[in-house]
PDB file of all heavy atoms in Angstrom:
ATOM      1  N   ILE A   1       0.835  -1.201   0.000  1.00  0.00           N
ATOM      2  CA  ILE A   1       0.000   0.000   0.000  1.00  0.00           C
ATOM      3  C   ILE A   1       0.869   1.250   0.000  1.00  0.00           C
ATOM      4  O   ILE A   1       0.574   2.245  -0.641  1.00  0.00           O
ATOM      5  CB  ILE A   1      -0.887   0.027   1.261  1.00  0.00           C
ATOM      6  CG1 ILE A   1      -1.770  -1.206   1.341  1.00  0.00           C
ATOM      7  CG2 ILE A   1      -1.715   1.300   1.322  1.00  0.00           C
ATOM      8  CD1 ILE A   1      -2.462  -1.347   2.681  1.00  0.00           C
ATOM      9  N   PHE A   2       1.927   1.210   0.770  1.00  0.00           N
ATOM     10  CA  PHE A   2       2.609   2.415   1.197  1.00  0.00           C
ATOM     11  C   PHE A   2       3.515   3.020   0.146  1.00  0.00           C
ATOM     12  O   PHE A   2       3.631   4.247   0.051  1.00  0.00           O
ATOM     13  CB  PHE A   2       3.424   2.090   2.458  1.00  0.00           C
ATOM     14  CG  PHE A   2       3.675   3.272   3.334  1.00  0.00           C
ATOM     15  CD1 PHE A   2       2.702   3.732   4.204  1.00  0.00           C
ATOM     16  CD2 PHE A   2       4.906   3.926   3.299  1.00  0.00           C
ATOM     17  CE1 PHE A   2       2.933   4.810   5.022  1.00  0.00           C
ATOM     18  CE2 PHE A   2       5.149   5.017   4.117  1.00  0.00           C
ATOM     19  CZ  PHE A   2       4.154   5.458   4.987  1.00  0.00           C
ATOM     20  N   ASN A   3       4.162   2.184  -0.639  1.00  0.00           N
ATOM     21  CA  ASN A   3       5.196   2.669  -1.544  1.00  0.00           C
ATOM     22  C   ASN A   3       4.676   3.703  -2.532  1.00  0.00           C
ATOM     23  O   ASN A   3       3.753   3.444  -3.293  1.00  0.00           O
ATOM     24  CB  ASN A   3       5.813   1.493  -2.310  1.00  0.00           C
ATOM     25  CG  ASN A   3       6.787   0.729  -1.458  1.00  0.00           C
ATOM     26  OD1 ASN A   3       7.192   1.195  -0.397  1.00  0.00           O
ATOM     27  ND2 ASN A   3       7.166  -0.448  -1.910  1.00  0.00           N
ATOM     28  N   SER A   4       5.285   4.876  -2.482  1.00  0.00           N
ATOM     29  CA  SER A   4       5.071   5.937  -3.472  1.00  0.00           C
ATOM     30  C   SER A   4       3.632   6.442  -3.521  1.00  0.00           C
ATOM     31  O   SER A   4       3.210   6.998  -4.525  1.00  0.00           O
ATOM     32  CB  SER A   4       5.488   5.465  -4.863  1.00  0.00           C
ATOM     33  OG  SER A   4       6.834   5.055  -4.865  1.00  0.00           O
ATOM     34  N   VAL A   5       2.885   6.243  -2.447  1.00  0.00           N
ATOM     35  CA  VAL A   5       1.470   6.618  -2.450  1.00  0.00           C
ATOM     36  C   VAL A   5       1.213   7.735  -1.454  1.00  0.00           C
ATOM     37  O   VAL A   5       1.782   7.736  -0.363  1.00  0.00           O
ATOM     38  CB  VAL A   5       0.599   5.395  -2.101  1.00  0.00           C
ATOM     39  CG1 VAL A   5      -0.862   5.797  -1.916  1.00  0.00           C
ATOM     40  CG2 VAL A   5       0.704   4.341  -3.192  1.00  0.00           C
ATOM     41  N   THR A   6       0.347   8.649  -1.820  1.00  0.00           N
ATOM     42  CA  THR A   6      -0.111   9.652  -0.863  1.00  0.00           C
ATOM     43  C   THR A   6      -1.063   8.986   0.124  1.00  0.00           C
ATOM     44  O   THR A   6      -2.037   8.345  -0.279  1.00  0.00           O
ATOM     45  CB  THR A   6      -0.814  10.808  -1.579  1.00  0.00           C
ATOM     46  OG1 THR A   6       0.126  11.473  -2.424  1.00  0.00           O
ATOM     47  CG2 THR A   6      -1.389  11.808  -0.588  1.00  0.00           C
ATOM     48  N   MET A   7      -0.762   9.118   1.387  1.00  0.00           N
ATOM     49  CA  MET A   7      -1.568   8.516   2.443  1.00  0.00           C
ATOM     50  C   MET A   7      -2.403   9.590   3.131  1.00  0.00           C
ATOM     51  O   MET A   7      -2.019  10.762   3.200  1.00  0.00           O
ATOM     52  CB  MET A   7      -0.672   7.831   3.461  1.00  0.00           C
ATOM     53  CG  MET A   7       0.096   6.642   2.914  1.00  0.00           C
ATOM     54  SD  MET A   7      -0.967   5.277   2.402  1.00  0.00           S
ATOM     55  CE  MET A   7      -1.692   4.771   3.978  1.00  0.00           C
ATOM     56  N   GLY A   8      -3.532   9.155   3.660  1.00  0.00           N
ATOM     57  CA  GLY A   8      -4.419  10.107   4.310  1.00  0.00           C
ATOM     58  C   GLY A   8      -4.980   9.574   5.607  1.00  0.00           C
ATOM     59  O   GLY A   8      -5.024   8.358   5.828  1.00  0.00           O
ATOM     60  N   TRP A   9      -5.367  10.485   6.464  1.00  0.00           N
ATOM     61  CA  TRP A   9      -6.150  10.173   7.661  1.00  0.00           C
ATOM     62  C   TRP A   9      -7.574  10.693   7.410  1.00  0.00           C
ATOM     63  O   TRP A   9      -7.760  11.834   6.959  1.00  0.00           O
ATOM     64  CB  TRP A   9      -5.560  10.841   8.887  1.00  0.00           C
ATOM     65  CG  TRP A   9      -4.415  10.097   9.484  1.00  0.00           C
ATOM     66  CD1 TRP A   9      -3.088  10.358   9.328  1.00  0.00           C
ATOM     67  CD2 TRP A   9      -4.496   8.969  10.357  1.00  0.00           C
ATOM     68  NE1 TRP A   9      -2.342   9.462  10.027  1.00  0.00           N
ATOM     69  CE2 TRP A   9      -3.177   8.590  10.682  1.00  0.00           C
ATOM     70  CE3 TRP A   9      -5.553   8.230  10.904  1.00  0.00           C
ATOM     71  CZ2 TRP A   9      -2.884   7.513  11.518  1.00  0.00           C
ATOM     72  CZ3 TRP A   9      -5.262   7.167  11.734  1.00  0.00           C
ATOM     73  CH2 TRP A   9      -3.940   6.821  12.027  1.00  0.00           C
ATOM     74  N   PHE A  10      -8.508   9.840   7.756  1.00  0.00           N
ATOM     75  CA  PHE A  10      -9.912  10.157   7.602  1.00  0.00           C
ATOM     76  C   PHE A  10     -10.583  10.034   8.967  1.00  0.00           C
ATOM     77  O   PHE A  10     -10.052   9.395   9.864  1.00  0.00           O
ATOM     78  CB  PHE A  10     -10.585   9.156   6.659  1.00  0.00           C
ATOM     79  CG  PHE A  10     -10.009   9.108   5.273  1.00  0.00           C
ATOM     80  CD1 PHE A  10      -8.786   8.501   5.027  1.00  0.00           C
ATOM     81  CD2 PHE A  10     -10.689   9.657   4.206  1.00  0.00           C
ATOM     82  CE1 PHE A  10      -8.250   8.443   3.741  1.00  0.00           C
ATOM     83  CE2 PHE A  10     -10.171   9.605   2.915  1.00  0.00           C
ATOM     84  CZ  PHE A  10      -8.949   8.991   2.692  1.00  0.00           C
ATOM     85  N   ARG A  11     -11.772  10.588   9.078  1.00  0.00           N
ATOM     86  CA  ARG A  11     -12.545  10.360  10.290  1.00  0.00           C
ATOM     87  C   ARG A  11     -14.021  10.282   9.965  1.00  0.00           C
ATOM     88  O   ARG A  11     -14.490  10.900   9.012  1.00  0.00           O
ATOM     89  CB  ARG A  11     -12.289  11.449  11.339  1.00  0.00           C
ATOM     90  CG  ARG A  11     -12.802  12.838  10.993  1.00  0.00           C
ATOM     91  CD  ARG A  11     -12.359  13.824  12.070  1.00  0.00           C
ATOM     92  NE  ARG A  11     -12.869  15.176  11.821  1.00  0.00           N
ATOM     93  CZ  ARG A  11     -12.451  16.248  12.508  1.00  0.00           C
ATOM     94  NH1 ARG A  11     -11.537  16.108  13.482  1.00  0.00           N
ATOM     95  NH2 ARG A  11     -12.955  17.436  12.224  1.00  0.00           N
ATOM     96  N   ARG A  12     -14.706   9.496  10.790  1.00  0.00           N
ATOM     97  CA  ARG A  12     -16.156   9.383  10.665  1.00  0.00           C
ATOM     98  C   ARG A  12     -16.762   9.669  12.026  1.00  0.00           C
ATOM     99  O   ARG A  12     -16.581   8.887  12.965  1.00  0.00           O
ATOM    100  CB  ARG A  12     -16.572   7.998  10.183  1.00  0.00           C
ATOM    101  CG  ARG A  12     -18.077   7.792  10.174  1.00  0.00           C
ATOM    102  CD  ARG A  12     -18.444   6.441   9.614  1.00  0.00           C
ATOM    103  NE  ARG A  12     -18.412   6.441   8.165  1.00  0.00           N
ATOM    104  CZ  ARG A  12     -18.405   5.344   7.430  1.00  0.00           C
ATOM    105  NH1 ARG A  12     -18.428   4.154   8.001  1.00  0.00           N
ATOM    106  NH2 ARG A  12     -18.406   5.424   6.118  1.00  0.00           N
ATOM    107  N   ALA A  13     -17.440  10.787  12.109  1.00  0.00           N
ATOM    108  CA  ALA A  13     -18.147  11.141  13.335  1.00  0.00           C
ATOM    109  C   ALA A  13     -19.491  10.420  13.360  1.00  0.00           C
ATOM    110  O   ALA A  13     -20.003  10.011  12.307  1.00  0.00           O
ATOM    111  CB  ALA A  13     -18.356  12.647  13.401  1.00  0.00           C
ATOM    112  N   PRO A  14     -20.073  10.232  14.537  1.00  0.00           N
ATOM    113  CA  PRO A  14     -21.363   9.548  14.629  1.00  0.00           C
ATOM    114  C   PRO A  14     -22.413  10.168  13.724  1.00  0.00           C
ATOM    115  O   PRO A  14     -22.631  11.377  13.747  1.00  0.00           O
ATOM    116  CB  PRO A  14     -21.733   9.715  16.106  1.00  0.00           C
ATOM    117  CG  PRO A  14     -20.436   9.858  16.805  1.00  0.00           C
ATOM    118  CD  PRO A  14     -19.551  10.611  15.857  1.00  0.00           C
ATOM    119  N   GLY A  15     -23.027   9.331  12.883  1.00  0.00           N
ATOM    120  CA  GLY A  15     -24.082   9.795  12.004  1.00  0.00           C
ATOM    121  C   GLY A  15     -23.631  10.584  10.796  1.00  0.00           C
ATOM    122  O   GLY A  15     -24.463  11.130  10.068  1.00  0.00           O
ATOM    123  N   LYS A  16     -22.324  10.624  10.569  1.00  0.00           N
ATOM    124  CA  LYS A  16     -21.814  11.425   9.445  1.00  0.00           C
ATOM    125  C   LYS A  16     -20.967  10.561   8.521  1.00  0.00           C
ATOM    126  O   LYS A  16     -20.587   9.449   8.860  1.00  0.00           O
ATOM    127  CB  LYS A  16     -20.998  12.610   9.969  1.00  0.00           C
ATOM    128  CG  LYS A  16     -21.824  13.592  10.799  1.00  0.00           C
ATOM    129  CD  LYS A  16     -21.028  14.823  11.148  1.00  0.00           C
ATOM    130  CE  LYS A  16     -21.896  15.818  11.907  1.00  0.00           C
ATOM    131  NZ  LYS A  16     -21.144  17.061  12.251  1.00  0.00           N
ATOM    132  N   GLU A  17     -20.668  11.082   7.367  1.00  0.00           N
ATOM    133  CA  GLU A  17     -19.853  10.339   6.415  1.00  0.00           C
ATOM    134  C   GLU A  17     -18.372  10.450   6.765  1.00  0.00           C
ATOM    135  O   GLU A  17     -17.963  11.345   7.504  1.00  0.00           O
ATOM    136  CB  GLU A  17     -20.080  10.877   4.996  1.00  0.00           C
ATOM    137  CG  GLU A  17     -19.674  12.326   4.805  1.00  0.00           C
ATOM    138  CD  GLU A  17     -19.915  12.785   3.375  1.00  0.00           C
ATOM    139  OE1 GLU A  17     -20.149  11.961   2.486  1.00  0.00           O
ATOM    140  OE2 GLU A  17     -19.866  14.012   3.156  1.00  0.00           O
ATOM    141  N   ARG A  18     -17.612   9.552   6.236  1.00  0.00           N
ATOM    142  CA  ARG A  18     -16.164   9.552   6.447  1.00  0.00           C
ATOM    143  C   ARG A  18     -15.538  10.648   5.590  1.00  0.00           C
ATOM    144  O   ARG A  18     -15.806  10.724   4.384  1.00  0.00           O
ATOM    145  CB  ARG A  18     -15.582   8.185   6.103  1.00  0.00           C
ATOM    146  CG  ARG A  18     -14.107   8.053   6.352  1.00  0.00           C
ATOM    147  CD  ARG A  18     -13.701   6.601   6.520  1.00  0.00           C
ATOM    148  NE  ARG A  18     -14.379   5.697   5.630  1.00  0.00           N
ATOM    149  CZ  ARG A  18     -14.532   4.390   5.870  1.00  0.00           C
ATOM    150  NH1 ARG A  18     -14.036   3.856   6.975  1.00  0.00           N
ATOM    151  NH2 ARG A  18     -15.162   3.614   5.011  1.00  0.00           N
ATOM    152  N   LEU A  19     -14.686  11.453   6.207  1.00  0.00           N
ATOM    153  CA  LEU A  19     -14.081  12.585   5.522  1.00  0.00           C
ATOM    154  C   LEU A  19     -12.568  12.569   5.683  1.00  0.00           C
ATOM    155  O   LEU A  19     -12.051  12.192   6.729  1.00  0.00           O
ATOM    156  CB  LEU A  19     -14.630  13.910   6.075  1.00  0.00           C
ATOM    157  CG  LEU A  19     -16.124  14.179   5.907  1.00  0.00           C
ATOM    158  CD1 LEU A  19     -16.516  15.452   6.634  1.00  0.00           C
ATOM    159  CD2 LEU A  19     -16.503  14.253   4.445  1.00  0.00           C
ATOM    160  N   LEU A  20     -11.894  13.048   4.665  1.00  0.00           N
ATOM    161  CA  LEU A  20     -10.438  13.198   4.724  1.00  0.00           C
ATOM    162  C   LEU A  20     -10.094  14.401   5.590  1.00  0.00           C
ATOM    163  O   LEU A  20     -10.643  15.489   5.388  1.00  0.00           O
ATOM    164  CB  LEU A  20      -9.881  13.392   3.319  1.00  0.00           C
ATOM    165  CG  LEU A  20      -8.379  13.601   3.195  1.00  0.00           C
ATOM    166  CD1 LEU A  20      -7.624  12.316   3.516  1.00  0.00           C
ATOM    167  CD2 LEU A  20      -8.021  14.084   1.791  1.00  0.00           C
ATOM    168  N   VAL A  21      -9.183  14.225   6.538  1.00  0.00           N
ATOM    169  CA  VAL A  21      -8.751  15.353   7.376  1.00  0.00           C
ATOM    170  C   VAL A  21      -7.327  15.778   7.089  1.00  0.00           C
ATOM    171  O   VAL A  21      -6.967  16.935   7.313  1.00  0.00           O
ATOM    172  CB  VAL A  21      -8.912  15.060   8.881  1.00  0.00           C
ATOM    173  CG1 VAL A  21     -10.373  14.876   9.238  1.00  0.00           C
ATOM    174  CG2 VAL A  21      -8.107  13.860   9.310  1.00  0.00           C
ATOM    175  N   ALA A  22      -6.490  14.869   6.606  1.00  0.00           N
ATOM    176  CA  ALA A  22      -5.105  15.221   6.306  1.00  0.00           C
ATOM    177  C   ALA A  22      -4.531  14.200   5.342  1.00  0.00           C
ATOM    178  O   ALA A  22      -4.948  13.035   5.349  1.00  0.00           O
ATOM    179  CB  ALA A  22      -4.266  15.255   7.585  1.00  0.00           C
ATOM    180  N   ALA A  23      -3.570  14.632   4.547  1.00  0.00           N
ATOM    181  CA  ALA A  23      -2.905  13.733   3.614  1.00  0.00           C
ATOM    182  C   ALA A  23      -1.454  14.138   3.472  1.00  0.00           C
ATOM    183  O   ALA A  23      -1.097  15.311   3.684  1.00  0.00           O
ATOM    184  CB  ALA A  23      -3.601  13.744   2.252  1.00  0.00           C
ATOM    185  N   ILE A  24      -0.616  13.165   3.117  1.00  0.00           N
ATOM    186  CA  ILE A  24       0.802  13.421   2.944  1.00  0.00           C
ATOM    187  C   ILE A  24       1.316  12.588   1.781  1.00  0.00           C
ATOM    188  O   ILE A  24       1.066  11.394   1.702  1.00  0.00           O
ATOM    189  CB  ILE A  24       1.586  13.134   4.246  1.00  0.00           C
ATOM    190  CG1 ILE A  24       3.061  13.497   4.088  1.00  0.00           C
ATOM    191  CG2 ILE A  24       1.410  11.686   4.701  1.00  0.00           C
ATOM    192  CD1 ILE A  24       3.815  13.522   5.420  1.00  0.00           C
ATOM    193  N   SER A  25       2.037  13.247   0.875  1.00  0.00           N
ATOM    194  CA  SER A  25       2.609  12.549  -0.254  1.00  0.00           C
ATOM    195  C   SER A  25       3.844  11.769   0.173  1.00  0.00           C
ATOM    196  O   SER A  25       4.348  11.934   1.291  1.00  0.00           O
ATOM    197  CB  SER A  25       2.983  13.548  -1.358  1.00  0.00           C
ATOM    198  OG  SER A  25       4.058  14.368  -0.920  1.00  0.00           O
ATOM    199  N   PHE A  26       4.336  10.937  -0.721  1.00  0.00           N
ATOM    200  CA  PHE A  26       5.504  10.127  -0.382  1.00  0.00           C
ATOM    201  C   PHE A  26       6.704  10.999  -0.046  1.00  0.00           C
ATOM    202  O   PHE A  26       7.530  10.632   0.801  1.00  0.00           O
ATOM    203  CB  PHE A  26       5.837   9.187  -1.538  1.00  0.00           C
ATOM    204  CG  PHE A  26       6.838   8.130  -1.192  1.00  0.00           C
ATOM    205  CD1 PHE A  26       6.465   7.044  -0.427  1.00  0.00           C
ATOM    206  CD2 PHE A  26       8.160   8.220  -1.611  1.00  0.00           C
ATOM    207  CE1 PHE A  26       7.379   6.056  -0.082  1.00  0.00           C
ATOM    208  CE2 PHE A  26       9.075   7.247  -1.290  1.00  0.00           C
ATOM    209  CZ  PHE A  26       8.690   6.161  -0.524  1.00  0.00           C
ATOM    210  N   ASP A  27       6.796  12.187  -0.677  1.00  0.00           N
ATOM    211  CA  ASP A  27       7.941  13.065  -0.408  1.00  0.00           C
ATOM    212  C   ASP A  27       7.613  14.159   0.594  1.00  0.00           C
ATOM    213  O   ASP A  27       8.388  15.112   0.736  1.00  0.00           O
ATOM    214  CB  ASP A  27       8.471  13.673  -1.713  1.00  0.00           C
ATOM    215  CG  ASP A  27       7.398  14.442  -2.461  1.00  0.00           C
ATOM    216  OD1 ASP A  27       6.240  14.467  -1.997  1.00  0.00           O
ATOM    217  OD2 ASP A  27       7.723  15.022  -3.503  1.00  0.00           O
ATOM    218  N   GLY A  28       6.471  14.031   1.279  1.00  0.00           N
ATOM    219  CA  GLY A  28       6.218  14.874   2.435  1.00  0.00           C
ATOM    220  C   GLY A  28       5.348  16.097   2.247  1.00  0.00           C
ATOM    221  O   GLY A  28       5.172  16.874   3.192  1.00  0.00           O
ATOM    222  N   ASN A  29       4.782  16.294   1.099  1.00  0.00           N
ATOM    223  CA  ASN A  29       3.848  17.407   0.929  1.00  0.00           C
ATOM    224  C   ASN A  29       2.546  17.082   1.648  1.00  0.00           C
ATOM    225  O   ASN A  29       2.046  15.966   1.560  1.00  0.00           O
ATOM    226  CB  ASN A  29       3.583  17.669  -0.551  1.00  0.00           C
ATOM    227  CG  ASN A  29       4.818  18.184  -1.263  1.00  0.00           C
ATOM    228  OD1 ASN A  29       5.471  19.097  -0.787  1.00  0.00           O
ATOM    229  ND2 ASN A  29       5.138  17.580  -2.396  1.00  0.00           N
ATOM    230  N   THR A  30       2.009  18.066   2.339  1.00  0.00           N
ATOM    231  CA  THR A  30       0.826  17.820   3.164  1.00  0.00           C
ATOM    232  C   THR A  30      -0.348  18.712   2.784  1.00  0.00           C
ATOM    233  O   THR A  30      -0.175  19.773   2.182  1.00  0.00           O
ATOM    234  CB  THR A  30       1.147  18.061   4.652  1.00  0.00           C
ATOM    235  OG1 THR A  30       1.595  19.418   4.809  1.00  0.00           O
ATOM    236  CG2 THR A  30       2.226  17.117   5.145  1.00  0.00           C
ATOM    237  N   LEU A  31      -1.520  18.245   3.124  1.00  0.00           N
ATOM    238  CA  LEU A  31      -2.715  19.067   3.037  1.00  0.00           C
ATOM    239  C   LEU A  31      -3.632  18.723   4.195  1.00  0.00           C
ATOM    240  O   LEU A  31      -3.562  17.616   4.742  1.00  0.00           O
ATOM    241  CB  LEU A  31      -3.424  18.886   1.695  1.00  0.00           C
ATOM    242  CG  LEU A  31      -4.032  17.527   1.353  1.00  0.00           C
ATOM    243  CD1 LEU A  31      -5.426  17.381   1.945  1.00  0.00           C
ATOM    244  CD2 LEU A  31      -4.111  17.353  -0.160  1.00  0.00           C
ATOM    245  N   TYR A  32      -4.460  19.706   4.574  1.00  0.00           N
ATOM    246  CA  TYR A  32      -5.330  19.540   5.735  1.00  0.00           C
ATOM    247  C   TYR A  32      -6.721  20.095   5.446  1.00  0.00           C
ATOM    248  O   TYR A  32      -6.870  21.086   4.717  1.00  0.00           O
ATOM    249  CB  TYR A  32      -4.756  20.281   6.940  1.00  0.00           C
ATOM    250  CG  TYR A  32      -3.408  19.771   7.384  1.00  0.00           C
ATOM    251  CD1 TYR A  32      -2.233  20.345   6.916  1.00  0.00           C
ATOM    252  CD2 TYR A  32      -3.318  18.703   8.276  1.00  0.00           C
ATOM    253  CE1 TYR A  32      -0.991  19.866   7.311  1.00  0.00           C
ATOM    254  CE2 TYR A  32      -2.082  18.215   8.681  1.00  0.00           C
ATOM    255  CZ  TYR A  32      -0.924  18.802   8.192  1.00  0.00           C
ATOM    256  OH  TYR A  32       0.292  18.326   8.587  1.00  0.00           O
ATOM    257  N   ALA A  33      -7.697  19.460   6.061  1.00  0.00           N
ATOM    258  CA  ALA A  33      -9.033  20.034   6.036  1.00  0.00           C
ATOM    259  C   ALA A  33      -9.013  21.317   6.864  1.00  0.00           C
ATOM    260  O   ALA A  33      -8.256  21.432   7.834  1.00  0.00           O
ATOM    261  CB  ALA A  33     -10.036  19.044   6.627  1.00  0.00           C
TER     262      ALA A  33
END
């Protein structure tokens, strides 16, 4: 899964859909909700 892939953290609050909160590329570029 991990090699060369942008990874993300998601969250699902009660009664809500799962949403992306943060992501990081293989070389460290980040984005945040």
